[in-house]
Amino acid sequence: MDAIDLKILALLQTDATLSIAAIGERVGLSQTPCWKRIQRLEADGVIDRRVAVLDPVKLGLGLSVFVSIETADHSQGWLERFADTVSAMPEVLEFYRMAGDVDYMLRVVVADMQAYDSFYKTLIATLPLKNVTSRFAMEKVKSTTALPLPVPQAAPRSLPRLAAAG
């Protein structure tokens, strides 16, 4: 990836609705080369997908919960069953297998405490769990989908030659 690819990615992370012409203009390319770069970034999997980011509060989903899970079973079969079950739960926006004292971490979004209680009951009924700890977000301080892209390195400048002393 070069500096132009990184500029394209930065623009798309900010606004994926920009036209190819607008992106090309901002990165110094005509439409065709710009479109070909975007297609290559998609084919290479750098651009995973383009989506609309929705406001959960305006959709009545104002409660964010971070759920830490510990399990006594660490077998591959258990993990596969657990991953399939949790991944199918629409309230779970993110699901991580962790290192350290917690085995799994979920980010869950629901309407309210009653909706979370229903989710929790479904979760604990899926498979045996050792411990489930819920942490409720009181305020969203920062939220972004934009990744911190590397800064392209400038080409080294050559130093002026000094005249040889004679």
N, C-alpha and C. Protein backbone atom coordinates (compact mmCIF):
# COMPACT_ATOMS: atom_id res chain seq x y z
N MET A 1 0.84 -1.19 0.00
CA MET A 1 0.00 0.00 0.00
C MET A 1 0.88 1.24 0.00
N ASP A 2 0.52 2.17 -0.82
CA ASP A 2 1.28 3.42 -0.87
C ASP A 2 0.48 4.55 -0.23
N ALA A 3 1.03 5.75 -0.30
CA ALA A 3 0.41 6.92 0.34
C ALA A 3 -0.97 7.21 -0.24
N ILE A 4 -1.17 6.99 -1.54
CA ILE A 4 -2.48 7.25 -2.15
C ILE A 4 -3.51 6.25 -1.63
N ASP A 5 -3.13 4.98 -1.52
CA ASP A 5 -4.05 3.98 -0.95
C ASP A 5 -4.46 4.39 0.46
N LEU A 6 -3.51 4.82 1.27
CA LEU A 6 -3.81 5.23 2.64
C LEU A 6 -4.74 6.44 2.68
N LYS A 7 -4.55 7.38 1.74
CA LYS A 7 -5.45 8.54 1.66
C LYS A 7 -6.86 8.10 1.29
N ILE A 8 -6.96 7.18 0.34
CA ILE A 8 -8.27 6.66 -0.06
C ILE A 8 -8.95 5.99 1.14
N LEU A 9 -8.22 5.17 1.87
CA LEU A 9 -8.78 4.49 3.03
C LEU A 9 -9.23 5.48 4.10
N ALA A 10 -8.45 6.52 4.33
CA ALA A 10 -8.82 7.53 5.32
C ALA A 10 -10.12 8.21 4.92
N LEU A 11 -10.26 8.53 3.64
CA LEU A 11 -11.49 9.17 3.17
C LEU A 11 -12.69 8.24 3.30
N LEU A 12 -12.52 6.97 2.92
CA LEU A 12 -13.63 6.03 3.00
C LEU A 12 -14.04 5.74 4.44
N GLN A 13 -13.06 5.75 5.37
CA GLN A 13 -13.40 5.54 6.78
C GLN A 13 -14.23 6.69 7.33
N THR A 14 -14.03 7.87 6.78
CA THR A 14 -14.76 9.05 7.22
C THR A 14 -16.13 9.12 6.56
N ASP A 15 -16.19 8.83 5.26
CA ASP A 15 -17.46 8.93 4.53
C ASP A 15 -17.43 7.99 3.32
N ALA A 16 -18.01 6.82 3.48
CA ALA A 16 -18.02 5.83 2.40
C ALA A 16 -19.00 6.17 1.30
N THR A 17 -19.76 7.26 1.46
CA THR A 17 -20.69 7.65 0.40
C THR A 17 -20.07 8.60 -0.61
N LEU A 18 -18.81 8.97 -0.40
CA LEU A 18 -18.14 9.85 -1.37
C LEU A 18 -18.11 9.18 -2.74
N SER A 19 -18.31 9.96 -3.77
CA SER A 19 -18.24 9.42 -5.13
C SER A 19 -16.77 9.13 -5.48
N ILE A 20 -16.60 8.27 -6.46
CA ILE A 20 -15.25 7.96 -6.94
C ILE A 20 -14.58 9.23 -7.44
N ALA A 21 -15.33 10.09 -8.10
CA ALA A 21 -14.78 11.35 -8.61
C ALA A 21 -14.28 12.22 -7.45
N ALA A 22 -15.07 12.31 -6.37
CA ALA A 22 -14.66 13.13 -5.22
C ALA A 22 -13.43 12.55 -4.54
N ILE A 23 -13.38 11.25 -4.41
CA ILE A 23 -12.21 10.62 -3.79
C ILE A 23 -10.99 10.86 -4.67
N GLY A 24 -11.14 10.60 -5.97
CA GLY A 24 -10.03 10.79 -6.90
C GLY A 24 -9.49 12.21 -6.86
N GLU A 25 -10.40 13.17 -6.82
CA GLU A 25 -9.99 14.58 -6.78
C GLU A 25 -9.17 14.86 -5.52
N ARG A 26 -9.60 14.32 -4.41
CA ARG A 26 -8.92 14.58 -3.14
C ARG A 26 -7.57 13.89 -3.02
N VAL A 27 -7.39 12.78 -3.76
CA VAL A 27 -6.10 12.08 -3.67
C VAL A 27 -5.23 12.29 -4.91
N GLY A 28 -5.73 13.08 -5.87
CA GLY A 28 -4.93 13.40 -7.05
C GLY A 28 -4.95 12.34 -8.14
N LEU A 29 -6.09 11.64 -8.30
CA LEU A 29 -6.23 10.64 -9.35
C LEU A 29 -7.49 10.91 -10.16
N SER A 30 -7.49 10.43 -11.39
CA SER A 30 -8.73 10.47 -12.17
C SER A 30 -9.61 9.30 -11.70
N GLN A 31 -10.85 9.26 -12.18
CA GLN A 31 -11.81 8.28 -11.68
C GLN A 31 -11.39 6.83 -11.90
N THR A 32 -10.91 6.51 -13.09
CA THR A 32 -10.60 5.11 -13.39
C THR A 32 -9.48 4.56 -12.51
N PRO A 33 -8.32 5.23 -12.37
CA PRO A 33 -7.30 4.68 -11.49
C PRO A 33 -7.75 4.63 -10.02
N CYS A 34 -8.56 5.60 -9.62
CA CYS A 34 -9.06 5.62 -8.25
C CYS A 34 -9.97 4.41 -8.03
N TRP A 35 -10.89 4.16 -8.95
CA TRP A 35 -11.81 3.03 -8.84
C TRP A 35 -11.04 1.71 -8.83
N LYS A 36 -10.01 1.60 -9.66
CA LYS A 36 -9.21 0.36 -9.71
C LYS A 36 -8.51 0.12 -8.37
N ARG A 37 -8.03 1.19 -7.74
CA ARG A 37 -7.38 1.03 -6.42
C ARG A 37 -8.39 0.57 -5.38
N ILE A 38 -9.57 1.16 -5.41
CA ILE A 38 -10.60 0.76 -4.44
C ILE A 38 -11.00 -0.70 -4.67
N GLN A 39 -11.16 -1.10 -5.92
CA GLN A 39 -11.49 -2.49 -6.22
C GLN A 39 -10.39 -3.43 -5.73
N ARG A 40 -9.10 -3.03 -5.90
CA ARG A 40 -7.99 -3.86 -5.44
C ARG A 40 -8.00 -3.97 -3.92
N LEU A 41 -8.26 -2.83 -3.23
CA LEU A 41 -8.31 -2.85 -1.76
C LEU A 41 -9.44 -3.73 -1.26
N GLU A 42 -10.55 -3.75 -1.99
CA GLU A 42 -11.66 -4.65 -1.63
C GLU A 42 -11.29 -6.10 -1.91
N ALA A 43 -10.70 -6.37 -3.08
CA ALA A 43 -10.32 -7.74 -3.45
C ALA A 43 -9.27 -8.31 -2.48
N ASP A 44 -8.37 -7.44 -2.00
CA ASP A 44 -7.33 -7.87 -1.06
C ASP A 44 -7.86 -8.01 0.37
N GLY A 45 -9.10 -7.60 0.59
CA GLY A 45 -9.69 -7.71 1.92
C GLY A 45 -9.32 -6.58 2.86
N VAL A 46 -8.63 -5.56 2.36
CA VAL A 46 -8.30 -4.40 3.19
C VAL A 46 -9.59 -3.65 3.51
N ILE A 47 -10.42 -3.45 2.50
CA ILE A 47 -11.77 -2.91 2.73
C ILE A 47 -12.67 -4.13 2.90
N ASP A 48 -13.13 -4.32 4.12
CA ASP A 48 -13.94 -5.49 4.45
C ASP A 48 -15.36 -5.33 3.94
N ARG A 49 -15.95 -4.16 4.18
CA ARG A 49 -17.30 -3.85 3.71
C ARG A 49 -17.55 -2.37 3.93
N ARG A 50 -18.59 -1.86 3.30
CA ARG A 50 -19.00 -0.47 3.49
C ARG A 50 -20.41 -0.50 4.07
N VAL A 51 -20.59 0.19 5.20
CA VAL A 51 -21.87 0.13 5.91
C VAL A 51 -22.27 1.52 6.39
N ALA A 52 -23.52 1.64 6.80
CA ALA A 52 -23.99 2.86 7.47
C ALA A 52 -23.85 2.63 8.97
N VAL A 53 -23.33 3.61 9.68
CA VAL A 53 -23.19 3.54 11.13
C VAL A 53 -24.43 4.20 11.74
N LEU A 54 -25.18 3.42 12.51
CA LEU A 54 -26.45 3.89 13.06
C LEU A 54 -26.28 4.37 14.49
N ASP A 55 -27.17 5.25 14.92
CA ASP A 55 -27.17 5.75 16.29
C ASP A 55 -28.05 4.84 17.14
N PRO A 56 -27.45 4.06 18.06
CA PRO A 56 -28.25 3.11 18.84
C PRO A 56 -29.30 3.79 19.73
N VAL A 57 -28.99 4.95 20.27
CA VAL A 57 -29.93 5.64 21.16
C VAL A 57 -31.19 6.03 20.38
N LYS A 58 -31.01 6.55 19.17
CA LYS A 58 -32.16 6.96 18.36
C LYS A 58 -32.99 5.77 17.90
N LEU A 59 -32.41 4.57 18.00
CA LEU A 59 -33.14 3.35 17.66
C LEU A 59 -33.68 2.65 18.90
N GLY A 60 -33.57 3.30 20.05
CA GLY A 60 -34.09 2.72 21.28
C GLY A 60 -33.20 1.66 21.89
N LEU A 61 -31.92 1.68 21.55
CA LEU A 61 -30.95 0.70 22.06
C LEU A 61 -29.90 1.43 22.90
N GLY A 62 -30.34 2.02 23.99
CA GLY A 62 -29.50 2.92 24.76
C GLY A 62 -28.62 2.29 25.82
N LEU A 63 -28.70 0.97 26.02
CA LEU A 63 -27.89 0.35 27.07
C LEU A 63 -26.78 -0.49 26.46
N SER A 64 -25.53 -0.10 26.74
CA SER A 64 -24.36 -0.87 26.30
C SER A 64 -23.79 -1.61 27.49
N VAL A 65 -23.52 -2.89 27.29
CA VAL A 65 -23.04 -3.74 28.37
C VAL A 65 -21.81 -4.50 27.89
N PHE A 66 -20.78 -4.50 28.72
CA PHE A 66 -19.58 -5.28 28.45
C PHE A 66 -19.64 -6.50 29.35
N VAL A 67 -19.65 -7.68 28.75
CA VAL A 67 -19.87 -8.92 29.47
C VAL A 67 -18.59 -9.75 29.44
N SER A 68 -18.03 -10.01 30.63
CA SER A 68 -16.85 -10.86 30.76
C SER A 68 -17.31 -12.26 31.11
N ILE A 69 -16.76 -13.25 30.45
CA ILE A 69 -17.17 -14.63 30.67
C ILE A 69 -15.95 -15.49 30.97
N GLU A 70 -16.07 -16.29 32.02
CA GLU A 70 -15.08 -17.31 32.35
C GLU A 70 -15.74 -18.66 32.21
N THR A 71 -15.00 -19.63 31.70
CA THR A 71 -15.53 -20.98 31.54
C THR A 71 -14.54 -21.99 32.11
N ALA A 72 -15.05 -23.10 32.53
CA ALA A 72 -14.18 -24.18 33.01
C ALA A 72 -13.79 -25.10 31.86
N ASP A 73 -14.49 -25.04 30.75
CA ASP A 73 -14.25 -25.91 29.60
C ASP A 73 -13.53 -25.11 28.52
N HIS A 74 -12.36 -25.58 28.14
CA HIS A 74 -11.58 -24.88 27.11
C HIS A 74 -11.36 -25.75 25.88
N SER A 75 -12.23 -26.73 25.69
CA SER A 75 -12.09 -27.63 24.55
C SER A 75 -12.52 -26.95 23.26
N GLN A 76 -12.02 -27.45 22.15
CA GLN A 76 -12.35 -26.90 20.83
C GLN A 76 -13.85 -27.05 20.54
N GLY A 77 -14.40 -28.20 20.89
CA GLY A 77 -15.83 -28.44 20.65
C GLY A 77 -16.71 -27.46 21.41
N TRP A 78 -16.36 -27.22 22.68
CA TRP A 78 -17.13 -26.27 23.49
C TRP A 78 -17.06 -24.88 22.88
N LEU A 79 -15.84 -24.47 22.50
CA LEU A 79 -15.66 -23.15 21.91
C LEU A 79 -16.49 -23.00 20.64
N GLU A 80 -16.49 -24.01 19.79
CA GLU A 80 -17.25 -23.92 18.55
C GLU A 80 -18.75 -23.78 18.83
N ARG A 81 -19.28 -24.56 19.77
CA ARG A 81 -20.69 -24.46 20.11
C ARG A 81 -21.01 -23.09 20.71
N PHE A 82 -20.14 -22.64 21.60
CA PHE A 82 -20.35 -21.34 22.25
C PHE A 82 -20.26 -20.21 21.23
N ALA A 83 -19.25 -20.26 20.37
CA ALA A 83 -19.08 -19.21 19.36
C ALA A 83 -20.27 -19.17 18.41
N ASP A 84 -20.77 -20.31 17.99
CA ASP A 84 -21.93 -20.35 17.10
C ASP A 84 -23.16 -19.75 17.78
N THR A 85 -23.37 -20.12 19.04
CA THR A 85 -24.53 -19.65 19.78
C THR A 85 -24.47 -18.14 20.00
N VAL A 86 -23.34 -17.65 20.50
CA VAL A 86 -23.21 -16.22 20.81
C VAL A 86 -23.20 -15.39 19.53
N SER A 87 -22.56 -15.87 18.49
CA SER A 87 -22.52 -15.12 17.23
C SER A 87 -23.90 -14.95 16.62
N ALA A 88 -24.82 -15.85 16.92
CA ALA A 88 -26.17 -15.76 16.38
C ALA A 88 -27.06 -14.80 17.18
N MET A 89 -26.57 -14.29 18.30
CA MET A 89 -27.36 -13.38 19.13
C MET A 89 -27.21 -11.96 18.60
N PRO A 90 -28.28 -11.34 18.09
CA PRO A 90 -28.15 -10.02 17.46
C PRO A 90 -27.73 -8.92 18.42
N GLU A 91 -27.94 -9.09 19.71
CA GLU A 91 -27.54 -8.08 20.70
C GLU A 91 -26.03 -7.97 20.84
N VAL A 92 -25.31 -9.02 20.46
CA VAL A 92 -23.85 -9.06 20.60
C VAL A 92 -23.23 -8.40 19.37
N LEU A 93 -22.62 -7.23 19.58
CA LEU A 93 -21.98 -6.52 18.47
C LEU A 93 -20.53 -6.92 18.29
N GLU A 94 -19.87 -7.27 19.40
CA GLU A 94 -18.47 -7.71 19.33
C GLU A 94 -18.30 -8.89 20.27
N PHE A 95 -17.42 -9.82 19.88
CA PHE A 95 -17.21 -11.05 20.64
C PHE A 95 -15.74 -11.42 20.50
N TYR A 96 -15.03 -11.43 21.62
CA TYR A 96 -13.59 -11.69 21.61
C TYR A 96 -13.23 -12.85 22.53
N ARG A 97 -12.27 -13.66 22.11
CA ARG A 97 -11.63 -14.63 22.99
C ARG A 97 -10.43 -13.91 23.57
N MET A 98 -10.28 -13.94 24.88
CA MET A 98 -9.31 -13.10 25.56
C MET A 98 -8.15 -13.92 26.13
N ALA A 99 -7.06 -13.24 26.41
CA ALA A 99 -5.95 -13.78 27.19
C ALA A 99 -6.06 -13.15 28.58
N GLY A 100 -5.65 -13.87 29.59
CA GLY A 100 -5.70 -13.32 30.95
C GLY A 100 -6.76 -13.99 31.78
N ASP A 101 -7.29 -13.26 32.76
CA ASP A 101 -8.21 -13.86 33.72
C ASP A 101 -9.64 -14.00 33.21
N VAL A 102 -9.96 -13.43 32.06
CA VAL A 102 -11.28 -13.55 31.46
C VAL A 102 -11.11 -14.32 30.15
N ASP A 103 -12.03 -15.24 29.88
CA ASP A 103 -11.91 -16.06 28.67
C ASP A 103 -12.53 -15.41 27.44
N TYR A 104 -13.69 -14.74 27.65
CA TYR A 104 -14.39 -14.11 26.52
C TYR A 104 -14.92 -12.76 26.95
N MET A 105 -15.02 -11.85 26.00
CA MET A 105 -15.57 -10.52 26.25
C MET A 105 -16.58 -10.23 25.14
N LEU A 106 -17.77 -9.77 25.56
CA LEU A 106 -18.81 -9.42 24.62
C LEU A 106 -19.15 -7.94 24.79
N ARG A 107 -19.48 -7.30 23.68
CA ARG A 107 -20.10 -5.97 23.75
C ARG A 107 -21.53 -6.15 23.28
N VAL A 108 -22.45 -5.84 24.18
CA VAL A 108 -23.87 -6.09 23.96
C VAL A 108 -24.62 -4.77 23.97
N VAL A 109 -25.57 -4.60 23.05
CA VAL A 109 -26.40 -3.40 23.01
C VAL A 109 -27.86 -3.85 23.06
N VAL A 110 -28.59 -3.28 24.03
CA VAL A 110 -30.00 -3.59 24.23
C VAL A 110 -30.78 -2.32 24.58
N ALA A 111 -32.07 -2.44 24.63
CA ALA A 111 -32.92 -1.28 24.91
C ALA A 111 -32.81 -0.81 26.35
N ASP A 112 -32.85 -1.75 27.30
CA ASP A 112 -32.92 -1.37 28.71
C ASP A 112 -32.53 -2.56 29.58
N MET A 113 -32.63 -2.39 30.90
CA MET A 113 -32.24 -3.44 31.83
C MET A 113 -33.10 -4.70 31.66
N GLN A 114 -34.37 -4.54 31.38
CA GLN A 114 -35.24 -5.69 31.19
C GLN A 114 -34.80 -6.50 29.96
N ALA A 115 -34.44 -5.80 28.89
CA ALA A 115 -33.96 -6.48 27.69
C ALA A 115 -32.63 -7.18 27.97
N TYR A 116 -31.77 -6.54 28.78
CA TYR A 116 -30.50 -7.19 29.12
C TYR A 116 -30.76 -8.43 29.97
N ASP A 117 -31.68 -8.36 30.91
CA ASP A 117 -31.99 -9.52 31.75
C ASP A 117 -32.45 -10.69 30.88
N SER A 118 -33.26 -10.42 29.88
CA SER A 118 -33.70 -11.47 28.96
C SER A 118 -32.51 -12.05 28.19
N PHE A 119 -31.64 -11.16 27.70
CA PHE A 119 -30.43 -11.61 27.01
C PHE A 119 -29.57 -12.47 27.93
N TYR A 120 -29.37 -12.01 29.16
CA TYR A 120 -28.53 -12.71 30.14
C TYR A 120 -29.07 -14.12 30.40
N LYS A 121 -30.36 -14.24 30.58
CA LYS A 121 -30.97 -15.55 30.84
C LYS A 121 -30.76 -16.49 29.66
N THR A 122 -30.87 -15.96 28.45
CA THR A 122 -30.62 -16.77 27.25
C THR A 122 -29.15 -17.19 27.20
N LEU A 123 -28.26 -16.25 27.49
CA LEU A 123 -26.82 -16.54 27.45
C LEU A 123 -26.44 -17.65 28.43
N ILE A 124 -26.86 -17.54 29.66
CA ILE A 124 -26.44 -18.53 30.65
C ILE A 124 -27.12 -19.89 30.46
N ALA A 125 -28.17 -19.93 29.66
CA ALA A 125 -28.84 -21.20 29.37
C ALA A 125 -28.18 -21.95 28.21
N THR A 126 -27.25 -21.29 27.48
CA THR A 126 -26.68 -21.89 26.28
C THR A 126 -25.76 -23.06 26.60
N LEU A 127 -24.74 -22.81 27.38
CA LEU A 127 -23.72 -23.80 27.74
C LEU A 127 -23.26 -23.49 29.16
N PRO A 128 -22.64 -24.46 29.83
CA PRO A 128 -22.15 -24.18 31.19
C PRO A 128 -21.07 -23.09 31.19
N LEU A 129 -21.26 -22.09 32.05
CA LEU A 129 -20.31 -21.00 32.21
C LEU A 129 -19.88 -20.94 33.67
N LYS A 130 -18.61 -20.64 33.91
CA LYS A 130 -18.10 -20.56 35.28
C LYS A 130 -18.49 -19.25 35.94
N ASN A 131 -18.34 -18.13 35.21
CA ASN A 131 -18.63 -16.82 35.76
C ASN A 131 -19.01 -15.86 34.63
N VAL A 132 -20.03 -15.04 34.88
CA VAL A 132 -20.44 -14.00 33.93
C VAL A 132 -20.52 -12.70 34.70
N THR A 133 -19.75 -11.70 34.24
CA THR A 133 -19.74 -10.39 34.89
C THR A 133 -20.19 -9.34 33.89
N SER A 134 -21.17 -8.53 34.27
CA SER A 134 -21.70 -7.50 33.39
C SER A 134 -21.26 -6.13 33.88
N ARG A 135 -20.79 -5.31 32.96
CA ARG A 135 -20.40 -3.94 33.26
C ARG A 135 -21.21 -3.03 32.35
N PHE A 136 -21.94 -2.10 32.96
CA PHE A 136 -22.86 -1.24 32.22
C PHE A 136 -22.21 0.10 31.93
N ALA A 137 -22.22 0.49 30.65
CA ALA A 137 -21.65 1.78 30.26
C ALA A 137 -22.60 2.89 30.69
N MET A 138 -22.04 3.89 31.36
CA MET A 138 -22.84 5.03 31.80
C MET A 138 -22.83 6.16 30.78
N GLU A 139 -21.72 6.29 30.05
CA GLU A 139 -21.59 7.35 29.07
C GLU A 139 -20.61 6.91 28.00
N LYS A 140 -20.95 7.16 26.74
CA LYS A 140 -20.02 6.90 25.64
C LYS A 140 -19.15 8.13 25.48
N VAL A 141 -17.86 7.99 25.75
CA VAL A 141 -16.94 9.11 25.68
C VAL A 141 -16.34 9.22 24.27
N LYS A 142 -16.01 8.08 23.68
CA LYS A 142 -15.48 8.06 22.31
C LYS A 142 -15.96 6.79 21.63
N SER A 143 -16.32 6.93 20.39
CA SER A 143 -16.69 5.77 19.59
C SER A 143 -16.33 6.08 18.15
N THR A 144 -15.57 5.20 17.54
CA THR A 144 -15.19 5.39 16.15
C THR A 144 -15.07 4.03 15.48
N THR A 145 -15.25 4.03 14.20
CA THR A 145 -14.98 2.82 13.42
C THR A 145 -13.69 3.00 12.61
N ALA A 146 -13.10 4.19 12.66
CA ALA A 146 -11.91 4.50 11.87
C ALA A 146 -10.65 3.94 12.54
N LEU A 147 -9.92 3.13 11.80
CA LEU A 147 -8.66 2.59 12.31
C LEU A 147 -7.55 3.63 12.18
N PRO A 148 -6.57 3.59 13.08
CA PRO A 148 -5.43 4.52 12.97
C PRO A 148 -4.49 4.03 11.86
N LEU A 149 -4.58 4.65 10.73
CA LEU A 149 -3.77 4.23 9.57
C LEU A 149 -2.33 4.69 9.74
N PRO A 150 -1.39 3.89 9.21
CA PRO A 150 0.01 4.32 9.29
C PRO A 150 0.24 5.58 8.47
N VAL A 151 1.15 6.38 8.93
CA VAL A 151 1.53 7.60 8.21
C VAL A 151 2.57 7.20 7.17
N PRO A 152 2.34 7.53 5.90
CA PRO A 152 3.32 7.17 4.88
C PRO A 152 4.66 7.86 5.16
N GLN A 153 5.72 7.12 4.97
CA GLN A 153 7.05 7.67 5.18
C GLN A 153 7.46 8.49 3.97
N ALA A 154 7.96 9.68 4.23
CA ALA A 154 8.45 10.55 3.15
C ALA A 154 9.77 9.99 2.65
N ALA A 155 10.01 10.17 1.37
CA ALA A 155 11.28 9.73 0.79
C ALA A 155 12.40 10.56 1.40
N PRO A 156 13.54 9.93 1.72
CA PRO A 156 14.64 10.69 2.31
C PRO A 156 15.16 11.75 1.34
N ARG A 157 15.40 12.92 1.89
CA ARG A 157 15.93 14.00 1.06
C ARG A 157 17.45 13.86 0.99
N SER A 158 17.99 14.17 -0.18
CA SER A 158 19.45 14.10 -0.30
C SER A 158 20.05 15.38 0.27
N LEU A 159 21.20 15.22 0.86
CA LEU A 159 21.90 16.37 1.45
C LEU A 159 22.71 17.07 0.37
N PRO A 160 22.81 18.39 0.47
CA PRO A 160 23.63 19.11 -0.54
C PRO A 160 25.09 18.70 -0.40
N ARG A 161 25.75 18.61 -1.50
CA ARG A 161 27.18 18.25 -1.47
C ARG A 161 28.00 19.47 -1.11
N LEU A 162 28.97 19.24 -0.27
CA LEU A 162 29.87 20.31 0.10
C LEU A 162 31.05 20.33 -0.88
N ALA A 163 31.53 21.52 -1.18
CA ALA A 163 32.66 21.63 -2.09
C ALA A 163 33.90 21.08 -1.37
N ALA A 164 34.72 20.35 -2.12
CA ALA A 164 35.92 19.76 -1.53
C ALA A 164 36.91 20.88 -1.18
N ALA A 165 37.49 20.76 -0.01
CA ALA A 165 38.47 21.77 0.42
C ALA A 165 39.75 21.53 -0.36
N GLY A 166 40.41 22.59 -0.76
CA GLY A 166 41.53 22.42 -1.63
C GLY A 166 42.73 22.94 -1.18
